[in-house]
PDB file of all heavy atoms in Angstrom:
ATOM      1  N   TYR A   1     118.002 175.001 -90.220  1.00  0.00           N
ATOM      2  CA  TYR A   1     118.640 175.165 -88.908  1.00  0.00           C
ATOM      3  C   TYR A   1     120.150 175.054 -89.041  1.00  0.00           C
ATOM      4  O   TYR A   1     120.642 174.104 -89.645  1.00  0.00           O
ATOM      5  CB  TYR A   1     118.163 174.088 -87.932  1.00  0.00           C
ATOM      6  CG  TYR A   1     116.746 174.271 -87.460  1.00  0.00           C
ATOM      7  CD1 TYR A   1     115.679 173.800 -88.211  1.00  0.00           C
ATOM      8  CD2 TYR A   1     116.471 174.910 -86.265  1.00  0.00           C
ATOM      9  CE1 TYR A   1     114.381 173.964 -87.778  1.00  0.00           C
ATOM     10  CE2 TYR A   1     115.169 175.075 -85.819  1.00  0.00           C
ATOM     11  CZ  TYR A   1     114.131 174.605 -86.590  1.00  0.00           C
ATOM     12  OH  TYR A   1     112.841 174.765 -86.163  1.00  0.00           O
ATOM     13  N   ARG A   2     120.850 176.035 -88.521  1.00  0.00           N
ATOM     14  CA  ARG A   2     122.296 175.878 -88.428  1.00  0.00           C
ATOM     15  C   ARG A   2     122.591 175.151 -87.117  1.00  0.00           C
ATOM     16  O   ARG A   2     121.855 175.286 -86.141  1.00  0.00           O
ATOM     17  CB  ARG A   2     123.028 177.214 -88.481  1.00  0.00           C
ATOM     18  CG  ARG A   2     122.676 178.185 -87.375  1.00  0.00           C
ATOM     19  CD  ARG A   2     123.588 179.401 -87.406  1.00  0.00           C
ATOM     20  NE  ARG A   2     123.147 180.422 -86.480  1.00  0.00           N
ATOM     21  CZ  ARG A   2     122.740 181.633 -86.842  1.00  0.00           C
ATOM     22  NH1 ARG A   2     122.706 181.968 -88.131  1.00  0.00           N
ATOM     23  NH2 ARG A   2     122.380 182.505 -85.928  1.00  0.00           N
ATOM     24  N   ILE A   3     123.692 174.418 -87.100  1.00  0.00           N
ATOM     25  CA  ILE A   3     124.083 173.627 -85.944  1.00  0.00           C
ATOM     26  C   ILE A   3     125.481 174.048 -85.504  1.00  0.00           C
ATOM     27  O   ILE A   3     126.385 174.217 -86.334  1.00  0.00           O
ATOM     28  CB  ILE A   3     124.085 172.132 -86.274  1.00  0.00           C
ATOM     29  CG1 ILE A   3     122.680 171.676 -86.681  1.00  0.00           C
ATOM     30  CG2 ILE A   3     124.605 171.313 -85.088  1.00  0.00           C
ATOM     31  CD1 ILE A   3     121.633 171.821 -85.605  1.00  0.00           C
ATOM     32  N   GLY A   4     125.640 174.198 -84.225  1.00  0.00           N
ATOM     33  CA  GLY A   4     126.948 174.514 -83.674  1.00  0.00           C
ATOM     34  C   GLY A   4     127.354 173.477 -82.638  1.00  0.00           C
ATOM     35  O   GLY A   4     126.495 172.886 -81.976  1.00  0.00           O
ATOM     36  N   TRP A   5     128.644 173.239 -82.546  1.00  0.00           N
ATOM     37  CA  TRP A   5     129.190 172.395 -81.493  1.00  0.00           C
ATOM     38  C   TRP A   5     130.072 173.265 -80.596  1.00  0.00           C
ATOM     39  O   TRP A   5     130.920 174.023 -81.090  1.00  0.00           O
ATOM     40  CB  TRP A   5     130.011 171.239 -82.076  1.00  0.00           C
ATOM     41  CG  TRP A   5     129.191 170.146 -82.648  1.00  0.00           C
ATOM     42  CD1 TRP A   5     128.831 169.977 -83.949  1.00  0.00           C
ATOM     43  CD2 TRP A   5     128.620 169.044 -81.942  1.00  0.00           C
ATOM     44  NE1 TRP A   5     128.073 168.848 -84.103  1.00  0.00           N
ATOM     45  CE2 TRP A   5     127.936 168.246 -82.875  1.00  0.00           C
ATOM     46  CE3 TRP A   5     128.628 168.632 -80.604  1.00  0.00           C
ATOM     47  CZ2 TRP A   5     127.251 167.075 -82.533  1.00  0.00           C
ATOM     48  CZ3 TRP A   5     127.955 167.469 -80.251  1.00  0.00           C
ATOM     49  CH2 TRP A   5     127.275 166.708 -81.208  1.00  0.00           C
ATOM     50  N   PHE A   6     129.869 173.120 -79.315  1.00  0.00           N
ATOM     51  CA  PHE A   6     130.632 173.868 -78.326  1.00  0.00           C
ATOM     52  C   PHE A   6     131.192 172.889 -77.291  1.00  0.00           C
ATOM     53  O   PHE A   6     130.743 171.755 -77.189  1.00  0.00           O
ATOM     54  CB  PHE A   6     129.730 174.884 -77.608  1.00  0.00           C
ATOM     55  CG  PHE A   6     129.217 175.977 -78.496  1.00  0.00           C
ATOM     56  CD1 PHE A   6     128.162 175.763 -79.371  1.00  0.00           C
ATOM     57  CD2 PHE A   6     129.778 177.242 -78.455  1.00  0.00           C
ATOM     58  CE1 PHE A   6     127.686 176.769 -80.201  1.00  0.00           C
ATOM     59  CE2 PHE A   6     129.309 178.262 -79.272  1.00  0.00           C
ATOM     60  CZ  PHE A   6     128.263 178.025 -80.140  1.00  0.00           C
ATOM     61  N   ARG A   7     132.146 173.363 -76.529  1.00  0.00           N
ATOM     62  CA  ARG A   7     132.647 172.550 -75.433  1.00  0.00           C
ATOM     63  C   ARG A   7     133.030 173.454 -74.265  1.00  0.00           C
ATOM     64  O   ARG A   7     133.345 174.619 -74.443  1.00  0.00           O
ATOM     65  CB  ARG A   7     133.854 171.713 -75.864  1.00  0.00           C
ATOM     66  CG  ARG A   7     135.103 172.504 -76.228  1.00  0.00           C
ATOM     67  CD  ARG A   7     136.160 171.566 -76.769  1.00  0.00           C
ATOM     68  NE  ARG A   7     137.385 172.291 -77.144  1.00  0.00           N
ATOM     69  CZ  ARG A   7     138.418 171.719 -77.752  1.00  0.00           C
ATOM     70  NH1 ARG A   7     138.394 170.416 -78.045  1.00  0.00           N
ATOM     71  NH2 ARG A   7     139.487 172.447 -78.047  1.00  0.00           N
ATOM     72  N   ARG A   8     132.986 172.873 -73.080  1.00  0.00           N
ATOM     73  CA  ARG A   8     133.408 173.586 -71.881  1.00  0.00           C
ATOM     74  C   ARG A   8     134.299 172.668 -71.067  1.00  0.00           C
ATOM     75  O   ARG A   8     133.843 171.627 -70.577  1.00  0.00           O
ATOM     76  CB  ARG A   8     132.223 174.047 -71.052  1.00  0.00           C
ATOM     77  CG  ARG A   8     132.641 174.729 -69.749  1.00  0.00           C
ATOM     78  CD  ARG A   8     131.484 175.381 -69.052  1.00  0.00           C
ATOM     79  NE  ARG A   8     131.056 176.562 -69.756  1.00  0.00           N
ATOM     80  CZ  ARG A   8     129.993 177.283 -69.414  1.00  0.00           C
ATOM     81  NH1 ARG A   8     129.252 176.928 -68.400  1.00  0.00           N
ATOM     82  NH2 ARG A   8     129.669 178.361 -70.092  1.00  0.00           N
ATOM     83  N   ALA A   9     135.543 173.054 -70.957  1.00  0.00           N
ATOM     84  CA  ALA A   9     136.501 172.307 -70.139  1.00  0.00           C
ATOM     85  C   ALA A   9     136.406 172.794 -68.694  1.00  0.00           C
ATOM     86  O   ALA A   9     135.946 173.917 -68.445  1.00  0.00           O
ATOM     87  CB  ALA A   9     137.907 172.509 -70.678  1.00  0.00           C
ATOM     88  N   PRO A  10     136.821 171.985 -67.751  1.00  0.00           N
ATOM     89  CA  PRO A  10     136.773 172.395 -66.340  1.00  0.00           C
ATOM     90  C   PRO A  10     137.498 173.719 -66.117  1.00  0.00           C
ATOM     91  O   PRO A  10     138.656 173.882 -66.524  1.00  0.00           O
ATOM     92  CB  PRO A  10     137.474 171.237 -65.624  1.00  0.00           C
ATOM     93  CG  PRO A  10     137.296 170.063 -66.509  1.00  0.00           C
ATOM     94  CD  PRO A  10     137.334 170.616 -67.910  1.00  0.00           C
ATOM     95  N   GLY A  11     136.815 174.659 -65.504  1.00  0.00           N
ATOM     96  CA  GLY A  11     137.421 175.942 -65.189  1.00  0.00           C
ATOM     97  C   GLY A  11     137.593 176.881 -66.369  1.00  0.00           C
ATOM     98  O   GLY A  11     138.215 177.940 -66.232  1.00  0.00           O
ATOM     99  N   GLU A  12     137.050 176.499 -67.521  1.00  0.00           N
ATOM    100  CA  GLU A  12     137.217 177.312 -68.725  1.00  0.00           C
ATOM    101  C   GLU A  12     135.878 177.863 -69.204  1.00  0.00           C
ATOM    102  O   GLU A  12     134.815 177.379 -68.803  1.00  0.00           O
ATOM    103  CB  GLU A  12     137.842 176.469 -69.843  1.00  0.00           C
ATOM    104  CG  GLU A  12     139.206 175.888 -69.513  1.00  0.00           C
ATOM    105  CD  GLU A  12     140.296 176.932 -69.467  1.00  0.00           C
ATOM    106  OE1 GLU A  12     140.145 177.973 -70.130  1.00  0.00           O
ATOM    107  OE2 GLU A  12     141.302 176.717 -68.729  1.00  0.00           O
ATOM    108  N   GLU A  13     135.966 178.837 -70.077  1.00  0.00           N
ATOM    109  CA  GLU A  13     134.766 179.373 -70.709  1.00  0.00           C
ATOM    110  C   GLU A  13     134.299 178.413 -71.807  1.00  0.00           C
ATOM    111  O   GLU A  13     135.069 177.614 -72.336  1.00  0.00           O
ATOM    112  CB  GLU A  13     135.075 180.731 -71.335  1.00  0.00           C
ATOM    113  CG  GLU A  13     135.443 181.809 -70.339  1.00  0.00           C
ATOM    114  CD  GLU A  13     134.246 182.236 -69.519  1.00  0.00           C
ATOM    115  OE1 GLU A  13     133.138 182.300 -70.084  1.00  0.00           O
ATOM    116  OE2 GLU A  13     134.420 182.500 -68.313  1.00  0.00           O
ATOM    117  N   ARG A  14     133.031 178.526 -72.135  1.00  0.00           N
ATOM    118  CA  ARG A  14     132.504 177.738 -73.246  1.00  0.00           C
ATOM    119  C   ARG A  14     133.187 178.166 -74.539  1.00  0.00           C
ATOM    120  O   ARG A  14     133.350 179.352 -74.799  1.00  0.00           O
ATOM    121  CB  ARG A  14     131.000 177.938 -73.345  1.00  0.00           C
ATOM    122  CG  ARG A  14     130.317 177.137 -74.414  1.00  0.00           C
ATOM    123  CD  ARG A  14     128.809 177.199 -74.251  1.00  0.00           C
ATOM    124  NE  ARG A  14     128.322 178.506 -73.896  1.00  0.00           N
ATOM    125  CZ  ARG A  14     127.061 178.793 -73.622  1.00  0.00           C
ATOM    126  NH1 ARG A  14     126.157 177.837 -73.645  1.00  0.00           N
ATOM    127  NH2 ARG A  14     126.697 180.024 -73.310  1.00  0.00           N
ATOM    128  N   GLU A  15     133.563 177.196 -75.355  1.00  0.00           N
ATOM    129  CA  GLU A  15     134.319 177.449 -76.582  1.00  0.00           C
ATOM    130  C   GLU A  15     133.576 176.874 -77.780  1.00  0.00           C
ATOM    131  O   GLU A  15     133.107 175.733 -77.735  1.00  0.00           O
ATOM    132  CB  GLU A  15     135.700 176.795 -76.472  1.00  0.00           C
ATOM    133  CG  GLU A  15     136.527 176.862 -77.731  1.00  0.00           C
ATOM    134  CD  GLU A  15     137.781 176.004 -77.663  1.00  0.00           C
ATOM    135  OE1 GLU A  15     137.803 175.039 -76.891  1.00  0.00           O
ATOM    136  OE2 GLU A  15     138.724 176.311 -78.403  1.00  0.00           O
ATOM    137  N   GLY A  16     133.486 177.649 -78.824  1.00  0.00           N
ATOM    138  CA  GLY A  16     132.906 177.140 -80.062  1.00  0.00           C
ATOM    139  C   GLY A  16     133.898 176.245 -80.771  1.00  0.00           C
ATOM    140  O   GLY A  16     135.044 176.635 -80.976  1.00  0.00           O
ATOM    141  N   VAL A  17     133.484 175.064 -81.145  1.00  0.00           N
ATOM    142  CA  VAL A  17     134.361 174.083 -81.774  1.00  0.00           C
ATOM    143  C   VAL A  17     134.131 174.012 -83.279  1.00  0.00           C
ATOM    144  O   VAL A  17     135.083 174.004 -84.067  1.00  0.00           O
ATOM    145  CB  VAL A  17     134.134 172.697 -81.149  1.00  0.00           C
ATOM    146  CG1 VAL A  17     134.951 171.630 -81.880  1.00  0.00           C
ATOM    147  CG2 VAL A  17     134.468 172.719 -79.666  1.00  0.00           C
ATOM    148  N   SER A  18     132.865 173.973 -83.677  1.00  0.00           N
ATOM    149  CA  SER A  18     132.554 173.797 -85.091  1.00  0.00           C
ATOM    150  C   SER A  18     131.126 174.254 -85.340  1.00  0.00           C
ATOM    151  O   SER A  18     130.338 174.433 -84.407  1.00  0.00           O
ATOM    152  CB  SER A  18     132.714 172.328 -85.476  1.00  0.00           C
ATOM    153  OG  SER A  18     132.422 172.124 -86.841  1.00  0.00           O
ATOM    154  N   CYS A  19     130.804 174.439 -86.615  1.00  0.00           N
ATOM    155  CA  CYS A  19     129.423 174.702 -87.001  1.00  0.00           C
ATOM    156  C   CYS A  19     129.209 174.129 -88.392  1.00  0.00           C
ATOM    157  O   CYS A  19     130.161 173.926 -89.154  1.00  0.00           O
ATOM    158  CB  CYS A  19     129.084 176.185 -86.964  1.00  0.00           C
ATOM    159  SG  CYS A  19     129.888 177.173 -88.223  1.00  0.00           S
ATOM    160  N   ILE A  20     127.953 173.888 -88.711  1.00  0.00           N
ATOM    161  CA  ILE A  20     127.592 173.374 -90.023  1.00  0.00           C
ATOM    162  C   ILE A  20     126.276 173.991 -90.430  1.00  0.00           C
ATOM    163  O   ILE A  20     125.341 174.126 -89.626  1.00  0.00           O
ATOM    164  CB  ILE A  20     127.526 171.829 -90.016  1.00  0.00           C
ATOM    165  CG1 ILE A  20     127.241 171.285 -91.418  1.00  0.00           C
ATOM    166  CG2 ILE A  20     126.502 171.318 -88.995  1.00  0.00           C
ATOM    167  CD1 ILE A  20     127.428 169.776 -91.537  1.00  0.00           C
ATOM    168  N   SER A  21     126.190 174.400 -91.679  1.00  0.00           N
ATOM    169  CA  SER A  21     124.972 175.035 -92.172  1.00  0.00           C
ATOM    170  C   SER A  21     123.879 173.996 -92.390  1.00  0.00           C
ATOM    171  O   SER A  21     124.116 172.795 -92.360  1.00  0.00           O
ATOM    172  CB  SER A  21     125.269 175.764 -93.478  1.00  0.00           C
ATOM    173  OG  SER A  21     125.742 174.851 -94.462  1.00  0.00           O
ATOM    174  N   SER A  22     122.678 174.484 -92.641  1.00  0.00           N
ATOM    175  CA  SER A  22     121.533 173.595 -92.800  1.00  0.00           C
ATOM    176  C   SER A  22     121.701 172.645 -93.973  1.00  0.00           C
ATOM    177  O   SER A  22     121.290 171.482 -93.911  1.00  0.00           O
ATOM    178  CB  SER A  22     120.258 174.431 -92.972  1.00  0.00           C
ATOM    179  OG  SER A  22     119.101 173.631 -92.941  1.00  0.00           O
ATOM    180  N   ASP A  23     122.324 173.137 -95.057  1.00  0.00           N
ATOM    181  CA  ASP A  23     122.526 172.268 -96.228  1.00  0.00           C
ATOM    182  C   ASP A  23     123.828 171.494 -96.160  1.00  0.00           C
ATOM    183  O   ASP A  23     124.142 170.719 -97.050  1.00  0.00           O
ATOM    184  CB  ASP A  23     122.457 173.081 -97.518  1.00  0.00           C
ATOM    185  CG  ASP A  23     123.548 174.127 -97.627  1.00  0.00           C
ATOM    186  OD1 ASP A  23     124.399 174.218 -96.717  1.00  0.00           O
ATOM    187  OD2 ASP A  23     123.538 174.874 -98.605  1.00  0.00           O
ATOM    188  N   GLY A  24     124.603 171.705 -95.103  1.00  0.00           N
ATOM    189  CA  GLY A  24     125.843 170.963 -94.917  1.00  0.00           C
ATOM    190  C   GLY A  24     127.028 171.472 -95.717  1.00  0.00           C
ATOM    191  O   GLY A  24     128.133 170.955 -95.582  1.00  0.00           O
ATOM    192  N   ASP A  25     126.817 172.507 -96.532  1.00  0.00           N
ATOM    193  CA  ASP A  25     127.895 172.965 -97.404  1.00  0.00           C
ATOM    194  C   ASP A  25     128.883 173.897 -96.707  1.00  0.00           C
ATOM    195  O   ASP A  25     130.017 174.037 -97.142  1.00  0.00           O
ATOM    196  CB  ASP A  25     127.306 173.669 -98.630  1.00  0.00           C
ATOM    197  CG  ASP A  25     126.795 172.672 -99.656  1.00  0.00           C
ATOM    198  OD1 ASP A  25     127.043 171.451 -99.483  1.00  0.00           O
ATOM    199  OD2 ASP A  25     126.153 173.094-100.629  1.00  0.00           O
ATOM    200  N   ALA A  26     128.461 174.565 -95.683  1.00  0.00           N
ATOM    201  CA  ALA A  26     129.349 175.450 -94.930  1.00  0.00           C
ATOM    202  C   ALA A  26     129.710 174.775 -93.613  1.00  0.00           C
ATOM    203  O   ALA A  26     128.819 174.400 -92.833  1.00  0.00           O
ATOM    204  CB  ALA A  26     128.669 176.788 -94.660  1.00  0.00           C
ATOM    205  N   ARG A  27     131.014 174.608 -93.398  1.00  0.00           N
ATOM    206  CA  ARG A  27     131.500 173.969 -92.170  1.00  0.00           C
ATOM    207  C   ARG A  27     132.729 174.735 -91.715  1.00  0.00           C
ATOM    208  O   ARG A  27     133.635 174.990 -92.516  1.00  0.00           O
ATOM    209  CB  ARG A  27     131.863 172.503 -92.413  1.00  0.00           C
ATOM    210  CG  ARG A  27     130.787 171.703 -93.125  1.00  0.00           C
ATOM    211  CD  ARG A  27     131.180 170.254 -93.318  1.00  0.00           C
ATOM    212  NE  ARG A  27     130.252 169.601 -94.251  1.00  0.00           N
ATOM    213  CZ  ARG A  27     130.064 168.289 -94.321  1.00  0.00           C
ATOM    214  NH1 ARG A  27     130.730 167.478 -93.513  1.00  0.00           N
ATOM    215  NH2 ARG A  27     129.222 167.766 -95.190  1.00  0.00           N
TER     216      ARG A  27
END
């Protein structure tokens, strides 16, 4: 499973912040 982190500020579009691969080697 790949994992992504996103955030949404008030009045803003959802923004991708970070991601990490299943083995943790790609960030």
